[in-house]
Amino acid sequence: MPKITYIEFNGTEHVVDVTEGLSVMEGAVTNLVPGIDGDCGGACACATCHVYVDPAWVSKVGTKEQMEQSMLDFASEVKENSRLCCQIKVSKALDGLVVRLPEHQY
């Protein structure tokens, strides 16, 4: 099972095993990682699973589709490496993925 590291805004790390095929958001919610709300359940209809993908992983998580880019307009402090983690599917290739959480989700 791939390991994903979620780093809270305050620096607290959560390294969790996430089942392949789930989204990075589902892995966080299932493992009670604070700071990932996922209010829409993964439908790409909110921005409460906003994360910053570690620069070493940006090219490995795929590209943002138009809908995701539109939803990121509702997130705070969007950066080049911002993603909605409901749109990142976990696979063996993402074993070791590191994502950082913003201070607030909106």
Protein backbone atom coordinates (compact mmCIF):
# COMPACT_ATOMS: atom_id res chain seq x y z
CA MET A 1 0.00 0.00 0.00
CA PRO A 2 1.43 3.42 -0.93
CA LYS A 3 2.45 5.70 1.93
CA ILE A 4 1.36 9.33 1.73
CA THR A 5 2.77 12.03 4.03
CA TYR A 6 0.37 14.81 4.98
CA ILE A 7 2.03 17.78 6.69
CA GLU A 8 -0.23 20.08 8.63
CA PHE A 9 0.33 23.85 8.50
CA ASN A 10 1.95 23.65 11.96
CA GLY A 11 4.45 21.04 10.75
CA THR A 12 2.84 17.94 12.24
CA GLU A 13 3.35 14.98 9.89
CA HIS A 14 0.95 12.11 9.29
CA VAL A 15 2.36 9.21 7.29
CA VAL A 16 -0.47 6.88 6.32
CA ASP A 17 -1.01 3.86 4.12
CA VAL A 18 -3.61 4.62 1.46
CA THR A 19 -5.30 1.96 -0.62
CA GLU A 20 -4.61 2.21 -4.34
CA GLY A 21 -7.55 3.64 -6.27
CA LEU A 22 -8.65 5.96 -3.48
CA SER A 23 -7.99 9.67 -3.78
CA VAL A 24 -5.42 11.42 -1.62
CA MET A 25 -8.40 13.17 0.02
CA GLU A 26 -10.11 9.87 0.84
CA GLY A 27 -6.86 8.63 2.38
CA ALA A 28 -6.74 11.69 4.63
CA VAL A 29 -10.39 11.49 5.68
CA THR A 30 -10.24 7.72 6.29
CA ASN A 31 -7.15 8.17 8.47
CA LEU A 32 -8.53 11.22 10.32
CA VAL A 33 -5.83 13.60 9.12
CA PRO A 34 -6.83 17.06 10.43
CA GLY A 35 -7.06 19.88 7.91
CA ILE A 36 -8.58 17.96 5.00
CA ASP A 37 -12.35 18.42 5.10
CA GLY A 38 -13.51 17.05 1.75
CA ASP A 39 -16.97 18.57 2.22
CA CYS A 40 -18.20 17.57 -1.25
CA GLY A 41 -17.05 13.96 -0.86
CA GLY A 42 -14.64 14.14 -3.76
CA ALA A 43 -16.93 15.54 -6.45
CA CYS A 44 -14.60 18.47 -7.21
CA ALA A 45 -17.37 20.81 -6.10
CA CYS A 46 -15.56 22.64 -3.29
CA ALA A 47 -12.01 23.50 -2.27
CA THR A 48 -11.88 21.97 1.22
CA CYS A 49 -9.22 19.43 0.25
CA HIS A 50 -6.72 21.99 -1.03
CA VAL A 51 -3.08 20.90 -0.61
CA TYR A 52 0.35 21.92 -1.81
CA VAL A 53 2.06 19.05 -3.61
CA ASP A 54 5.73 18.77 -2.75
CA PRO A 55 7.75 20.10 -5.72
CA ALA A 56 9.44 16.71 -6.22
CA TRP A 57 6.01 15.16 -6.86
CA VAL A 58 4.25 17.79 -8.99
CA SER A 59 5.01 16.07 -12.30
CA LYS A 60 3.92 12.67 -10.92
CA VAL A 61 0.42 13.54 -9.73
CA GLY A 62 -1.00 14.46 -13.12
CA THR A 63 -2.36 17.73 -14.38
CA LYS A 64 -5.25 19.88 -13.21
CA GLU A 65 -8.41 19.63 -15.26
CA GLN A 66 -10.45 22.79 -15.91
CA MET A 67 -13.03 21.98 -13.22
CA GLU A 68 -10.33 21.58 -10.57
CA GLN A 69 -8.69 24.83 -11.65
CA SER A 70 -12.05 26.59 -11.34
CA MET A 71 -12.61 25.21 -7.83
CA LEU A 72 -9.14 26.34 -6.76
CA ASP A 73 -10.41 29.89 -7.29
CA PHE A 74 -12.31 29.35 -4.00
CA ALA A 75 -9.22 28.26 -2.06
CA SER A 76 -7.00 30.63 -0.13
CA GLU A 77 -3.33 31.18 -0.84
CA VAL A 78 -3.28 29.21 -4.09
CA LYS A 79 0.20 28.49 -5.43
CA GLU A 80 1.59 26.88 -8.56
CA ASN A 81 1.70 23.49 -6.78
CA SER A 82 -1.85 23.77 -5.36
CA ARG A 83 -4.16 20.84 -6.00
CA LEU A 84 -7.47 19.53 -4.80
CA CYS A 85 -6.40 16.20 -3.41
CA CYS A 86 -9.76 14.62 -4.27
CA GLN A 87 -8.50 14.75 -7.86
CA ILE A 88 -5.27 12.83 -7.20
CA LYS A 89 -5.74 9.06 -7.40
CA VAL A 90 -3.37 6.95 -5.35
CA SER A 91 -1.27 4.39 -7.18
CA LYS A 92 1.99 2.55 -6.50
CA ALA A 93 3.75 5.34 -8.41
CA LEU A 94 2.71 7.77 -5.68
CA ASP A 95 4.28 5.78 -2.84
CA GLY A 96 6.09 8.44 -0.78
CA LEU A 97 3.98 11.38 -1.97
CA VAL A 98 4.23 14.44 0.29
CA VAL A 99 1.50 17.07 0.49
CA ARG A 100 1.35 20.12 2.72
CA LEU A 101 -1.88 21.60 4.06
CA PRO A 102 -2.76 25.29 3.98
CA GLU A 103 -3.52 27.16 7.18
CA HIS A 104 -7.28 27.20 6.40
CA GLN A 105 -9.72 25.38 4.12
CA TYR A 106 -12.65 27.33 2.62
